[in-house]
Amino acid sequence: METRINCGPVVIDLTADSALLCERAVTELEQFESRWAGPCAAVRVHLQVATEPAAMLAGKFLYCREMRVDKTAGGFAATCVSGAAGFYDASRHQWTLDFPIAPKTSRACEANVDDEHVEDLLELVLTTAWRESGWVPLHAGAVARNGCCAILAAPSRGGKSTLTAALLHRGWRTLGDDKILIRMQSGGAPELRGLTTQFNLDPRTSRWFREVGDLESQQPLSRWTAKRRVAAERIWGDCFVAQARPTHIVEIRRDRDPGLTRATPLSATEVLSVLLHQTVVPADAAIAKGILAVLAPSARQLNGVRLEIGEDAYSNPKTFETIEAMLA
């Protein structure tokens, strides 16, 4: 199986030993499918089955709960707790991803491949490629209107997509709800670029924004999440901005008070901290220095706001007034 997917400034040439592995990889990669103008770096990725799980690495380059990455003489090696592994040959711009299954290969046993670690390894592939193309990936959303562009920051399942949907409901536009790229322009101003036209929305979003339709009737994105994937343009029309200069960063914090909406300013130190928490900084001095060379000067140019919001705050029209006032 072979397919090509444009993921912003990089092109992924994907091959796989089986249709099921290819389908799973495409499902993950297609959410970042966006074609940028100009030359793009090409990265080859091959997915294959393995009868034996890989032993966990030390994680001297990157140490996460589910995955560890080491730098090698020719690139990178990564292992996941499930036994899945990835190997990057930097000279050939090629990744090989191994996923352990039962010794007798069949579609049924391939179904036991850990979806979460397919996602983790492909995210490592994309992060490495985006960095090599001069961009820093942020696990964040972004919205824009009337010269204001706000980065929306929160941990996974922290409310980025719901706040993005709320602002689109009010006529804002977006660069994406979960993943954006940032770099410094030659003039010293930060630049954001969007990657996706699809949102991963919690089914409860239908309660507050009826235009999204009945999300409960759709299939969940995976067994790891209740979210549903939707094409944002089918809901909000011409709602995307390709690039923008960020002016604000909003740290989203959920509150137990269901109706609470409270906005407070962030200090300059807090702004930088929030921005750093939206990316992964590995234990490699050269790469870490490059990331900080983008994020530190960007942080100095951003107005920071902490938004504390309750689970049902979007039912109150005054919530939108509070949010838009903080971005005025």
C-alpha atoms as a PDB file:
ATOM      1  CA  MET A   1       0.000   0.000   0.000  1.00  0.00           C
ATOM      2  CA  GLU A   2       1.312   3.453  -0.895  1.00  0.00           C
ATOM      3  CA  THR A   3      -0.097   6.956  -0.506  1.00  0.00           C
ATOM      4  CA  ARG A   4       1.106  10.574  -0.343  1.00  0.00           C
ATOM      5  CA  ILE A   5      -0.148  13.127   2.182  1.00  0.00           C
ATOM      6  CA  ASN A   6       0.735  16.832   2.294  1.00  0.00           C
ATOM      7  CA  CYS A   7       1.173  17.962   5.910  1.00  0.00           C
ATOM      8  CA  GLY A   8       1.978  21.663   5.603  1.00  0.00           C
ATOM      9  CA  PRO A   9       5.672  22.205   4.819  1.00  0.00           C
ATOM     10  CA  VAL A  10       6.364  18.466   4.466  1.00  0.00           C
ATOM     11  CA  VAL A  11       5.098  15.674   2.225  1.00  0.00           C
ATOM     12  CA  ILE A  12       4.724  12.190   3.703  1.00  0.00           C
ATOM     13  CA  ASP A  13       5.220   9.302   1.259  1.00  0.00           C
ATOM     14  CA  LEU A  14       3.593   6.456   3.152  1.00  0.00           C
ATOM     15  CA  THR A  15       3.936   2.728   2.512  1.00  0.00           C
ATOM     16  CA  ALA A  16       2.690  -0.146   4.662  1.00  0.00           C
ATOM     17  CA  ASP A  17       2.752  -3.933   4.821  1.00  0.00           C
ATOM     18  CA  SER A  18      -1.006  -4.104   5.192  1.00  0.00           C
ATOM     19  CA  ALA A  19      -4.121  -2.171   4.277  1.00  0.00           C
ATOM     20  CA  LEU A  20      -5.107  -1.953   7.946  1.00  0.00           C
ATOM     21  CA  LEU A  21      -1.832  -0.358   9.042  1.00  0.00           C
ATOM     22  CA  CYS A  22      -2.020   2.051   6.107  1.00  0.00           C
ATOM     23  CA  GLU A  23      -5.605   2.966   6.972  1.00  0.00           C
ATOM     24  CA  ARG A  24      -4.684   3.721  10.564  1.00  0.00           C
ATOM     25  CA  ALA A  25      -1.749   5.899   9.547  1.00  0.00           C
ATOM     26  CA  VAL A  26      -3.811   7.807   6.997  1.00  0.00           C
ATOM     27  CA  THR A  27      -6.528   8.425   9.604  1.00  0.00           C
ATOM     28  CA  GLU A  28      -3.925  10.074  11.828  1.00  0.00           C
ATOM     29  CA  LEU A  29      -2.085  11.995   9.113  1.00  0.00           C
ATOM     30  CA  GLU A  30      -5.091  13.250   7.146  1.00  0.00           C
ATOM     31  CA  GLN A  31      -6.109  15.598   9.961  1.00  0.00           C
ATOM     32  CA  PHE A  32      -2.965  17.608   9.091  1.00  0.00           C
ATOM     33  CA  GLU A  33      -3.500  17.358   5.348  1.00  0.00           C
ATOM     34  CA  SER A  34      -2.828  20.836   3.976  1.00  0.00           C
ATOM     35  CA  ARG A  35      -0.991  21.825   0.822  1.00  0.00           C
ATOM     36  CA  TRP A  36       1.358  24.789   1.175  1.00  0.00           C
ATOM     37  CA  ALA A  37       2.698  26.823  -1.709  1.00  0.00           C
ATOM     38  CA  GLY A  38       6.384  26.468  -2.517  1.00  0.00           C
ATOM     39  CA  PRO A  39       8.811  23.557  -2.179  1.00  0.00           C
ATOM     40  CA  CYS A  40       8.128  21.003   0.556  1.00  0.00           C
ATOM     41  CA  ALA A  41      10.468  18.511   2.185  1.00  0.00           C
ATOM     42  CA  ALA A  42       9.629  14.862   1.457  1.00  0.00           C
ATOM     43  CA  VAL A  43       9.792  12.198   4.156  1.00  0.00           C
ATOM     44  CA  ARG A  44       9.322   8.487   3.486  1.00  0.00           C
ATOM     45  CA  VAL A  45       7.522   6.430   6.136  1.00  0.00           C
ATOM     46  CA  HIS A  46       7.152   2.655   6.025  1.00  0.00           C
ATOM     47  CA  LEU A  47       4.897   0.792   8.465  1.00  0.00           C
ATOM     48  CA  GLN A  48       5.499  -2.882   9.022  1.00  0.00           C
ATOM     49  CA  VAL A  49       4.458  -5.656  11.386  1.00  0.00           C
ATOM     50  CA  ALA A  50       6.851  -7.294  13.847  1.00  0.00           C
ATOM     51  CA  THR A  51       6.485 -10.571  15.698  1.00  0.00           C
ATOM     52  CA  GLU A  52       8.534  -9.400  18.681  1.00  0.00           C
ATOM     53  CA  PRO A  53       8.111  -6.196  20.745  1.00  0.00           C
ATOM     54  CA  ALA A  54      11.066  -3.835  20.862  1.00  0.00           C
ATOM     55  CA  ALA A  55      12.905  -3.345  24.164  1.00  0.00           C
ATOM     56  CA  MET A  56      12.487   0.092  25.717  1.00  0.00           C
ATOM     57  CA  LEU A  57      15.279   2.579  25.068  1.00  0.00           C
ATOM     58  CA  ALA A  58      16.857   4.869  27.651  1.00  0.00           C
ATOM     59  CA  GLY A  59      15.100   7.984  26.381  1.00  0.00           C
ATOM     60  CA  LYS A  60      18.170  10.223  26.473  1.00  0.00           C
ATOM     61  CA  PHE A  61      16.789  12.468  23.713  1.00  0.00           C
ATOM     62  CA  LEU A  62      13.157  12.403  24.845  1.00  0.00           C
ATOM     63  CA  TYR A  63      11.586  10.586  27.800  1.00  0.00           C
ATOM     64  CA  CYS A  64       7.776  10.385  27.907  1.00  0.00           C
ATOM     65  CA  ARG A  65       5.348   8.204  29.803  1.00  0.00           C
ATOM     66  CA  GLU A  66       4.485   6.116  26.723  1.00  0.00           C
ATOM     67  CA  MET A  67       7.523   6.621  24.482  1.00  0.00           C
ATOM     68  CA  ARG A  68      11.300   7.071  24.709  1.00  0.00           C
ATOM     69  CA  VAL A  69      13.576   8.421  22.002  1.00  0.00           C
ATOM     70  CA  ASP A  70      17.350   8.206  21.614  1.00  0.00           C
ATOM     71  CA  LYS A  71      19.567  10.002  19.128  1.00  0.00           C
ATOM     72  CA  THR A  72      21.631   7.640  16.968  1.00  0.00           C
ATOM     73  CA  ALA A  73      24.656   8.113  14.716  1.00  0.00           C
ATOM     74  CA  GLY A  74      22.367   8.367  11.682  1.00  0.00           C
ATOM     75  CA  GLY A  75      19.131   9.764  13.089  1.00  0.00           C
ATOM     76  CA  PHE A  76      16.736   8.647  15.840  1.00  0.00           C
ATOM     77  CA  ALA A  77      15.321   5.506  17.421  1.00  0.00           C
ATOM     78  CA  ALA A  78      12.085   5.408  19.418  1.00  0.00           C
ATOM     79  CA  THR A  79      10.241   2.756  21.411  1.00  0.00           C
ATOM     80  CA  CYS A  80       6.781   2.657  23.007  1.00  0.00           C
ATOM     81  CA  VAL A  81       5.621   0.709  26.045  1.00  0.00           C
ATOM     82  CA  SER A  82       3.517  -1.493  23.720  1.00  0.00           C
ATOM     83  CA  GLY A  83       6.701  -2.658  21.981  1.00  0.00           C
ATOM     84  CA  ALA A  84       6.184  -0.521  18.885  1.00  0.00           C
ATOM     85  CA  ALA A  85       9.330   1.138  17.542  1.00  0.00           C
ATOM     86  CA  GLY A  86      10.482   3.739  15.041  1.00  0.00           C
ATOM     87  CA  PHE A  87      13.841   4.253  13.341  1.00  0.00           C
ATOM     88  CA  TYR A  88      14.833   7.371  11.386  1.00  0.00           C
ATOM     89  CA  ASP A  89      17.569   7.444   8.760  1.00  0.00           C
ATOM     90  CA  ALA A  90      18.250  11.176   8.487  1.00  0.00           C
ATOM     91  CA  SER A  91      20.456  10.857   5.400  1.00  0.00           C
ATOM     92  CA  ARG A  92      17.598   9.233   3.474  1.00  0.00           C
ATOM     93  CA  HIS A  93      14.778  11.139   5.215  1.00  0.00           C
ATOM     94  CA  GLN A  94      13.129   7.807   5.902  1.00  0.00           C
ATOM     95  CA  TRP A  95      11.300   6.346   8.904  1.00  0.00           C
ATOM     96  CA  THR A  96      10.586   2.671   9.514  1.00  0.00           C
ATOM     97  CA  LEU A  97       7.832   2.010  12.066  1.00  0.00           C
ATOM     98  CA  ASP A  98       7.433  -1.471  13.560  1.00  0.00           C
ATOM     99  CA  PHE A  99       4.249  -2.637  15.276  1.00  0.00           C
ATOM    100  CA  PRO A 100       4.284  -5.974  17.133  1.00  0.00           C
ATOM    101  CA  ILE A 101       1.399  -8.413  16.626  1.00  0.00           C
ATOM    102  CA  ALA A 102       0.843 -12.139  17.019  1.00  0.00           C
ATOM    103  CA  PRO A 103       3.299 -14.353  15.070  1.00  0.00           C
ATOM    104  CA  LYS A 104       0.647 -15.515  12.569  1.00  0.00           C
ATOM    105  CA  THR A 105      -0.278 -12.364  10.697  1.00  0.00           C
ATOM    106  CA  SER A 106      -3.947 -11.825   9.988  1.00  0.00           C
ATOM    107  CA  ARG A 107      -6.342  -8.911   9.854  1.00  0.00           C
ATOM    108  CA  ALA A 108      -7.771 -10.015  13.202  1.00  0.00           C
ATOM    109  CA  CYS A 109      -4.443  -9.916  15.056  1.00  0.00           C
ATOM    110  CA  GLU A 110      -3.372  -6.702  13.319  1.00  0.00           C
ATOM    111  CA  ALA A 111      -6.441  -5.148  14.925  1.00  0.00           C
ATOM    112  CA  ASN A 112      -4.599  -5.523  18.251  1.00  0.00           C
ATOM    113  CA  VAL A 113      -1.958  -2.977  17.257  1.00  0.00           C
ATOM    114  CA  ASP A 114      -2.052  -0.143  19.787  1.00  0.00           C
ATOM    115  CA  ASP A 115      -3.783   2.844  18.123  1.00  0.00           C
ATOM    116  CA  GLU A 116      -2.307   5.288  20.637  1.00  0.00           C
ATOM    117  CA  HIS A 117       1.240   4.341  19.739  1.00  0.00           C
ATOM    118  CA  VAL A 118       0.538   4.554  16.001  1.00  0.00           C
ATOM    119  CA  GLU A 119      -0.459   8.133  16.800  1.00  0.00           C
ATOM    120  CA  ASP A 120       2.585   8.740  19.030  1.00  0.00           C
ATOM    121  CA  LEU A 121       5.112   7.513  16.469  1.00  0.00           C
ATOM    122  CA  LEU A 122       3.515   9.413  13.576  1.00  0.00           C
ATOM    123  CA  GLU A 123       3.485  12.565  15.692  1.00  0.00           C
ATOM    124  CA  LEU A 124       7.222  12.062  16.267  1.00  0.00           C
ATOM    125  CA  VAL A 125       7.673  11.709  12.498  1.00  0.00           C
ATOM    126  CA  LEU A 126       5.801  14.961  11.844  1.00  0.00           C
ATOM    127  CA  THR A 127       7.439  16.893  14.689  1.00  0.00           C
ATOM    128  CA  THR A 128      10.906  15.942  13.453  1.00  0.00           C
ATOM    129  CA  ALA A 129      10.037  16.875   9.864  1.00  0.00           C
ATOM    130  CA  TRP A 130       8.448  20.201  10.797  1.00  0.00           C
ATOM    131  CA  ARG A 131      11.459  21.169  12.905  1.00  0.00           C
ATOM    132  CA  GLU A 132      13.828  20.270  10.076  1.00  0.00           C
ATOM    133  CA  SER A 133      11.729  22.591   7.871  1.00  0.00           C
ATOM    134  CA  GLY A 134      12.269  25.507  10.281  1.00  0.00           C
ATOM    135  CA  TRP A 135       8.984  25.415  12.216  1.00  0.00           C
ATOM    136  CA  VAL A 136       8.147  24.751  15.873  1.00  0.00           C
ATOM    137  CA  PRO A 137       4.924  22.744  16.290  1.00  0.00           C
ATOM    138  CA  LEU A 138       2.536  23.852  19.030  1.00  0.00           C
ATOM    139  CA  HIS A 139      -0.155  21.696  20.592  1.00  0.00           C
ATOM    140  CA  ALA A 140      -2.556  24.627  20.499  1.00  0.00           C
ATOM    141  CA  GLY A 141      -5.393  26.217  18.581  1.00  0.00           C
ATOM    142  CA  ALA A 142      -5.549  29.735  17.153  1.00  0.00           C
ATOM    143  CA  VAL A 143      -8.309  32.184  16.205  1.00  0.00           C
ATOM    144  CA  ALA A 144      -8.175  35.534  14.430  1.00  0.00           C
ATOM    145  CA  ARG A 145     -10.372  38.582  13.779  1.00  0.00           C
ATOM    146  CA  ASN A 146      -9.826  42.296  13.160  1.00  0.00           C
ATOM    147  CA  GLY A 147      -6.047  42.206  13.622  1.00  0.00           C
ATOM    148  CA  CYS A 148      -6.184  40.043  16.743  1.00  0.00           C
ATOM    149  CA  CYS A 149      -4.790  36.515  16.646  1.00  0.00           C
ATOM    150  CA  ALA A 150      -4.933  34.442  19.829  1.00  0.00           C
ATOM    151  CA  ILE A 151      -3.110  31.184  20.515  1.00  0.00           C
ATOM    152  CA  LEU A 152      -5.410  28.917  22.572  1.00  0.00           C
ATOM    153  CA  ALA A 153      -3.403  26.796  25.006  1.00  0.00           C
ATOM    154  CA  ALA A 154      -4.502  23.867  27.153  1.00  0.00           C
ATOM    155  CA  PRO A 155      -3.505  20.241  27.777  1.00  0.00           C
ATOM    156  CA  SER A 156      -5.205  17.441  25.853  1.00  0.00           C
ATOM    157  CA  ARG A 157      -8.969  17.458  26.493  1.00  0.00           C
ATOM    158  CA  GLY A 158      -8.533  20.869  28.110  1.00  0.00           C
ATOM    159  CA  GLY A 159     -11.038  22.815  25.994  1.00  0.00           C
ATOM    160  CA  LYS A 160      -9.095  24.161  22.982  1.00  0.00           C
ATOM    161  CA  SER A 161     -11.494  22.779  20.385  1.00  0.00           C
ATOM    162  CA  THR A 162     -14.600  23.887  22.279  1.00  0.00           C
ATOM    163  CA  LEU A 163     -13.308  27.445  22.704  1.00  0.00           C
ATOM    164  CA  THR A 164     -12.345  27.521  19.020  1.00  0.00           C
ATOM    165  CA  ALA A 165     -15.872  26.400  18.110  1.00  0.00           C
ATOM    166  CA  ALA A 166     -17.330  29.054  20.423  1.00  0.00           C
ATOM    167  CA  LEU A 167     -15.410  31.830  18.694  1.00  0.00           C
ATOM    168  CA  LEU A 168     -16.246  30.509  15.208  1.00  0.00           C
ATOM    169  CA  HIS A 169     -19.869  30.586  16.357  1.00  0.00           C
ATOM    170  CA  ARG A 170     -19.319  34.317  16.953  1.00  0.00           C
ATOM    171  CA  GLY A 171     -17.810  34.998  13.514  1.00  0.00           C
ATOM    172  CA  TRP A 172     -14.105  34.540  14.224  1.00  0.00           C
ATOM    173  CA  ARG A 173     -11.825  32.564  11.904  1.00  0.00           C
ATOM    174  CA  THR A 174      -9.237  29.944  12.820  1.00  0.00           C
ATOM    175  CA  LEU A 175      -5.878  28.436  11.934  1.00  0.00           C
ATOM    176  CA  GLY A 176      -6.845  25.144  13.619  1.00  0.00           C
ATOM    177  CA  ASP A 177      -8.062  23.800  16.920  1.00  0.00           C
ATOM    178  CA  ASP A 178      -5.219  21.558  18.085  1.00  0.00           C
ATOM    179  CA  LYS A 179      -1.968  21.870  16.105  1.00  0.00           C
ATOM    180  CA  ILE A 180      -0.287  24.942  14.606  1.00  0.00           C
ATOM    181  CA  LEU A 181       3.241  25.866  13.541  1.00  0.00           C
ATOM    182  CA  ILE A 182       5.226  28.935  14.581  1.00  0.00           C
ATOM    183  CA  ARG A 183       8.486  30.518  13.416  1.00  0.00           C
ATOM    184  CA  MET A 184      10.220  33.899  13.521  1.00  0.00           C
ATOM    185  CA  GLN A 185      10.128  35.966  10.355  1.00  0.00           C
ATOM    186  CA  SER A 186      13.220  37.815   9.154  1.00  0.00           C
ATOM    187  CA  GLY A 187      11.830  41.074  10.566  1.00  0.00           C
ATOM    188  CA  GLY A 188      11.602  39.641  14.076  1.00  0.00           C
ATOM    189  CA  ALA A 189       7.832  39.030  14.214  1.00  0.00           C
ATOM    190  CA  PRO A 190       6.351  35.592  14.968  1.00  0.00           C
ATOM    191  CA  GLU A 191       4.302  33.891  12.263  1.00  0.00           C
ATOM    192  CA  LEU A 192       1.658  31.206  12.740  1.00  0.00           C
ATOM    193  CA  ARG A 193       0.561  28.740  10.076  1.00  0.00           C
ATOM    194  CA  GLY A 194      -2.387  26.382  10.197  1.00  0.00           C
ATOM    195  CA  LEU A 195      -2.311  22.690   9.372  1.00  0.00           C
ATOM    196  CA  THR A 196      -5.798  21.277   9.522  1.00  0.00           C
ATOM    197  CA  THR A 197      -9.351  21.836   8.314  1.00  0.00           C
ATOM    198  CA  GLN A 198     -10.814  19.164  10.584  1.00  0.00           C
ATOM    199  CA  PHE A 199     -11.779  19.474  14.238  1.00  0.00           C
ATOM    200  CA  ASN A 200     -12.003  16.809  16.919  1.00  0.00           C
ATOM    201  CA  LEU A 201     -15.085  17.842  18.912  1.00  0.00           C
ATOM    202  CA  ASP A 202     -16.571  16.522  22.119  1.00  0.00           C
ATOM    203  CA  PRO A 203     -20.209  15.408  21.542  1.00  0.00           C
ATOM    204  CA  ARG A 204     -21.318  17.892  24.222  1.00  0.00           C
ATOM    205  CA  THR A 205     -20.422  20.701  21.807  1.00  0.00           C
ATOM    206  CA  SER A 206     -23.819  20.098  20.153  1.00  0.00           C
ATOM    207  CA  ARG A 207     -25.534  21.356  23.307  1.00  0.00           C
ATOM    208  CA  TRP A 208     -24.064  24.828  22.943  1.00  0.00           C
ATOM    209  CA  PHE A 209     -23.613  25.234  19.177  1.00  0.00           C
ATOM    210  CA  ARG A 210     -26.440  23.592  17.286  1.00  0.00           C
ATOM    211  CA  GLU A 211     -24.818  24.186  13.913  1.00  0.00           C
ATOM    212  CA  VAL A 212     -22.379  21.326  14.541  1.00  0.00           C
ATOM    213  CA  GLY A 213     -25.256  18.831  14.325  1.00  0.00           C
ATOM    214  CA  ASP A 214     -25.766  15.563  16.173  1.00  0.00           C
ATOM    215  CA  LEU A 215     -22.254  14.452  17.100  1.00  0.00           C
ATOM    216  CA  GLU A 216     -23.486  11.595  19.286  1.00  0.00           C
ATOM    217  CA  SER A 217     -24.680   9.703  16.191  1.00  0.00           C
ATOM    218  CA  GLN A 218     -21.164   9.715  14.676  1.00  0.00           C
ATOM    219  CA  GLN A 219     -18.431   7.190  15.383  1.00  0.00           C
ATOM    220  CA  PRO A 220     -15.823   8.170  18.023  1.00  0.00           C
ATOM    221  CA  LEU A 221     -12.411   9.084  16.674  1.00  0.00           C
ATOM    222  CA  SER A 222     -10.823   6.114  18.446  1.00  0.00           C
ATOM    223  CA  ARG A 223     -11.245   3.939  21.516  1.00  0.00           C
ATOM    224  CA  TRP A 224      -9.069   6.440  23.396  1.00  0.00           C
ATOM    225  CA  THR A 225     -11.455   9.385  23.050  1.00  0.00           C
ATOM    226  CA  ALA A 226     -15.153  10.210  22.740  1.00  0.00           C
ATOM    227  CA  LYS A 227     -14.413  13.048  20.301  1.00  0.00           C
ATOM    228  CA  ARG A 228     -15.788  13.081  16.757  1.00  0.00           C
ATOM    229  CA  ARG A 229     -13.893  14.392  13.738  1.00  0.00           C
ATOM    230  CA  VAL A 230     -15.761  17.003  11.692  1.00  0.00           C
ATOM    231  CA  ALA A 231     -14.928  19.149   8.678  1.00  0.00           C
ATOM    232  CA  ALA A 232     -15.070  22.698  10.064  1.00  0.00           C
ATOM    233  CA  GLU A 233     -15.798  24.375   6.715  1.00  0.00           C
ATOM    234  CA  ARG A 234     -18.976  22.321   6.341  1.00  0.00           C
ATOM    235  CA  ILE A 235     -20.222  23.895   9.564  1.00  0.00           C
ATOM    236  CA  TRP A 236     -18.832  27.449   9.555  1.00  0.00           C
ATOM    237  CA  GLY A 237     -18.105  28.015   5.861  1.00  0.00           C
ATOM    238  CA  ASP A 238     -15.038  30.118   4.988  1.00  0.00           C
ATOM    239  CA  CYS A 239     -13.653  29.974   8.522  1.00  0.00           C
ATOM    240  CA  PHE A 240      -9.928  29.353   7.985  1.00  0.00           C
ATOM    241  CA  VAL A 241      -6.946  31.686   7.914  1.00  0.00           C
ATOM    242  CA  ALA A 242      -3.761  30.269   6.382  1.00  0.00           C
ATOM    243  CA  GLN A 243      -1.333  32.408   8.402  1.00  0.00           C
ATOM    244  CA  ALA A 244      -1.338  35.196  10.982  1.00  0.00           C
ATOM    245  CA  ARG A 245       0.830  37.132  13.397  1.00  0.00           C
ATOM    246  CA  PRO A 246      -0.115  36.185  16.983  1.00  0.00           C
ATOM    247  CA  THR A 247      -1.028  38.997  19.372  1.00  0.00           C
ATOM    248  CA  HIS A 248      -2.412  37.057  22.377  1.00  0.00           C
ATOM    249  CA  ILE A 249      -2.115  33.740  24.149  1.00  0.00           C
ATOM    250  CA  VAL A 250      -5.025  32.340  26.183  1.00  0.00           C
ATOM    251  CA  GLU A 251      -4.348  29.725  28.855  1.00  0.00           C
ATOM    252  CA  ILE A 252      -7.571  27.729  29.285  1.00  0.00           C
ATOM    253  CA  ARG A 253      -8.340  26.266  32.686  1.00  0.00           C
ATOM    254  CA  ARG A 254     -11.490  24.306  33.401  1.00  0.00           C
ATOM    255  CA  ASP A 255     -13.302  25.033  36.667  1.00  0.00           C
ATOM    256  CA  ARG A 256     -15.684  22.985  38.797  1.00  0.00           C
ATOM    257  CA  ASP A 257     -18.144  25.878  38.923  1.00  0.00           C
ATOM    258  CA  PRO A 258     -20.265  25.020  35.837  1.00  0.00           C
ATOM    259  CA  GLY A 259     -21.174  28.614  35.032  1.00  0.00           C
ATOM    260  CA  LEU A 260     -17.871  30.366  35.785  1.00  0.00           C
ATOM    261  CA  THR A 261     -16.135  32.582  33.235  1.00  0.00           C
ATOM    262  CA  ARG A 262     -13.181  34.566  34.580  1.00  0.00           C
ATOM    263  CA  ALA A 263     -10.292  36.190  32.715  1.00  0.00           C
ATOM    264  CA  THR A 264      -7.095  37.406  34.404  1.00  0.00           C
ATOM    265  CA  PRO A 265      -3.882  38.745  32.841  1.00  0.00           C
ATOM    266  CA  LEU A 266      -0.682  36.697  32.704  1.00  0.00           C
ATOM    267  CA  SER A 267       2.761  38.037  33.546  1.00  0.00           C
ATOM    268  CA  ALA A 268       5.550  37.908  30.953  1.00  0.00           C
ATOM    269  CA  THR A 269       7.086  34.924  32.761  1.00  0.00           C
ATOM    270  CA  GLU A 270       3.745  33.103  32.742  1.00  0.00           C
ATOM    271  CA  VAL A 271       3.286  33.770  29.021  1.00  0.00           C
ATOM    272  CA  LEU A 272       6.607  32.100  28.212  1.00  0.00           C
ATOM    273  CA  SER A 273       5.794  29.181  30.520  1.00  0.00           C
ATOM    274  CA  VAL A 274       2.416  28.598  28.845  1.00  0.00           C
ATOM    275  CA  LEU A 275       3.983  28.745  25.394  1.00  0.00           C
ATOM    276  CA  LEU A 276       6.736  26.268  26.360  1.00  0.00           C
ATOM    277  CA  HIS A 277       4.134  23.848  27.711  1.00  0.00           C
ATOM    278  CA  GLN A 278       2.534  23.676  24.251  1.00  0.00           C
ATOM    279  CA  THR A 279       5.556  22.069  22.636  1.00  0.00           C
ATOM    280  CA  VAL A 280       8.069  19.329  23.402  1.00  0.00           C
ATOM    281  CA  VAL A 281      11.633  20.408  24.169  1.00  0.00           C
ATOM    282  CA  PRO A 282      14.026  17.435  23.893  1.00  0.00           C
ATOM    283  CA  ALA A 283      17.250  16.934  25.839  1.00  0.00           C
ATOM    284  CA  ASP A 284      19.387  18.059  22.922  1.00  0.00           C
ATOM    285  CA  ALA A 285      21.112  21.415  23.314  1.00  0.00           C
ATOM    286  CA  ALA A 286      21.070  22.392  19.632  1.00  0.00           C
ATOM    287  CA  ILE A 287      17.408  21.566  19.064  1.00  0.00           C
ATOM    288  CA  ALA A 288      16.343  23.091  22.397  1.00  0.00           C
ATOM    289  CA  LYS A 289      18.230  26.284  21.540  1.00  0.00           C
ATOM    290  CA  GLY A 290      16.437  26.513  18.186  1.00  0.00           C
ATOM    291  CA  ILE A 291      13.027  26.089  19.841  1.00  0.00           C
ATOM    292  CA  LEU A 292      13.763  28.746  22.472  1.00  0.00           C
ATOM    293  CA  ALA A 293      15.050  31.106  19.767  1.00  0.00           C
ATOM    294  CA  VAL A 294      11.508  31.084  18.380  1.00  0.00           C
ATOM    295  CA  LEU A 295       9.377  30.900  21.513  1.00  0.00           C
ATOM    296  CA  ALA A 296      11.200  33.385  23.774  1.00  0.00           C
ATOM    297  CA  PRO A 297      10.972  36.403  21.427  1.00  0.00           C
ATOM    298  CA  SER A 298       7.434  35.370  20.460  1.00  0.00           C
ATOM    299  CA  ALA A 299       6.370  35.348  24.113  1.00  0.00           C
ATOM    300  CA  ARG A 300       7.652  38.907  24.595  1.00  0.00           C
ATOM    301  CA  GLN A 301       5.246  40.098  21.885  1.00  0.00           C
ATOM    302  CA  LEU A 302       2.120  38.385  23.235  1.00  0.00           C
ATOM    303  CA  ASN A 303      -0.567  39.618  25.621  1.00  0.00           C
ATOM    304  CA  GLY A 304      -1.362  36.760  28.002  1.00  0.00           C
ATOM    305  CA  VAL A 305      -4.731  35.913  29.544  1.00  0.00           C
ATOM    306  CA  ARG A 306      -5.809  33.058  31.800  1.00  0.00           C
ATOM    307  CA  LEU A 307      -9.389  31.997  31.064  1.00  0.00           C
ATOM    308  CA  GLU A 308     -11.098  29.966  33.781  1.00  0.00           C
ATOM    309  CA  ILE A 309     -14.270  28.458  32.411  1.00  0.00           C
ATOM    310  CA  GLY A 310     -16.899  26.096  33.783  1.00  0.00           C
ATOM    311  CA  GLU A 311     -18.253  23.020  32.026  1.00  0.00           C
ATOM    312  CA  ASP A 312     -21.570  24.658  31.091  1.00  0.00           C
ATOM    313  CA  ALA A 313     -20.437  28.276  30.776  1.00  0.00           C
ATOM    314  CA  TYR A 314     -21.150  28.348  27.034  1.00  0.00           C
ATOM    315  CA  SER A 315     -24.873  28.149  27.803  1.00  0.00           C
ATOM    316  CA  ASN A 316     -24.645  31.748  29.088  1.00  0.00           C
ATOM    317  CA  PRO A 317     -24.438  34.501  26.403  1.00  0.00           C
ATOM    318  CA  LYS A 318     -22.372  36.656  28.792  1.00  0.00           C
ATOM    319  CA  THR A 319     -19.572  34.095  28.512  1.00  0.00           C
ATOM    320  CA  PHE A 320     -18.931  35.200  24.942  1.00  0.00           C
ATOM    321  CA  GLU A 321     -18.856  38.850  25.978  1.00  0.00           C
ATOM    322  CA  THR A 322     -16.215  38.066  28.617  1.00  0.00           C
ATOM    323  CA  ILE A 323     -14.070  36.097  26.159  1.00  0.00           C
ATOM    324  CA  GLU A 324     -14.214  38.705  23.423  1.00  0.00           C
ATOM    325  CA  ALA A 325     -13.566  41.546  25.879  1.00  0.00           C
ATOM    326  CA  MET A 326     -10.310  39.915  26.985  1.00  0.00           C
ATOM    327  CA  LEU A 327      -9.178  39.826  23.341  1.00  0.00           C
ATOM    328  CA  ALA A 328     -10.224  43.387  22.515  1.00  0.00           C
END
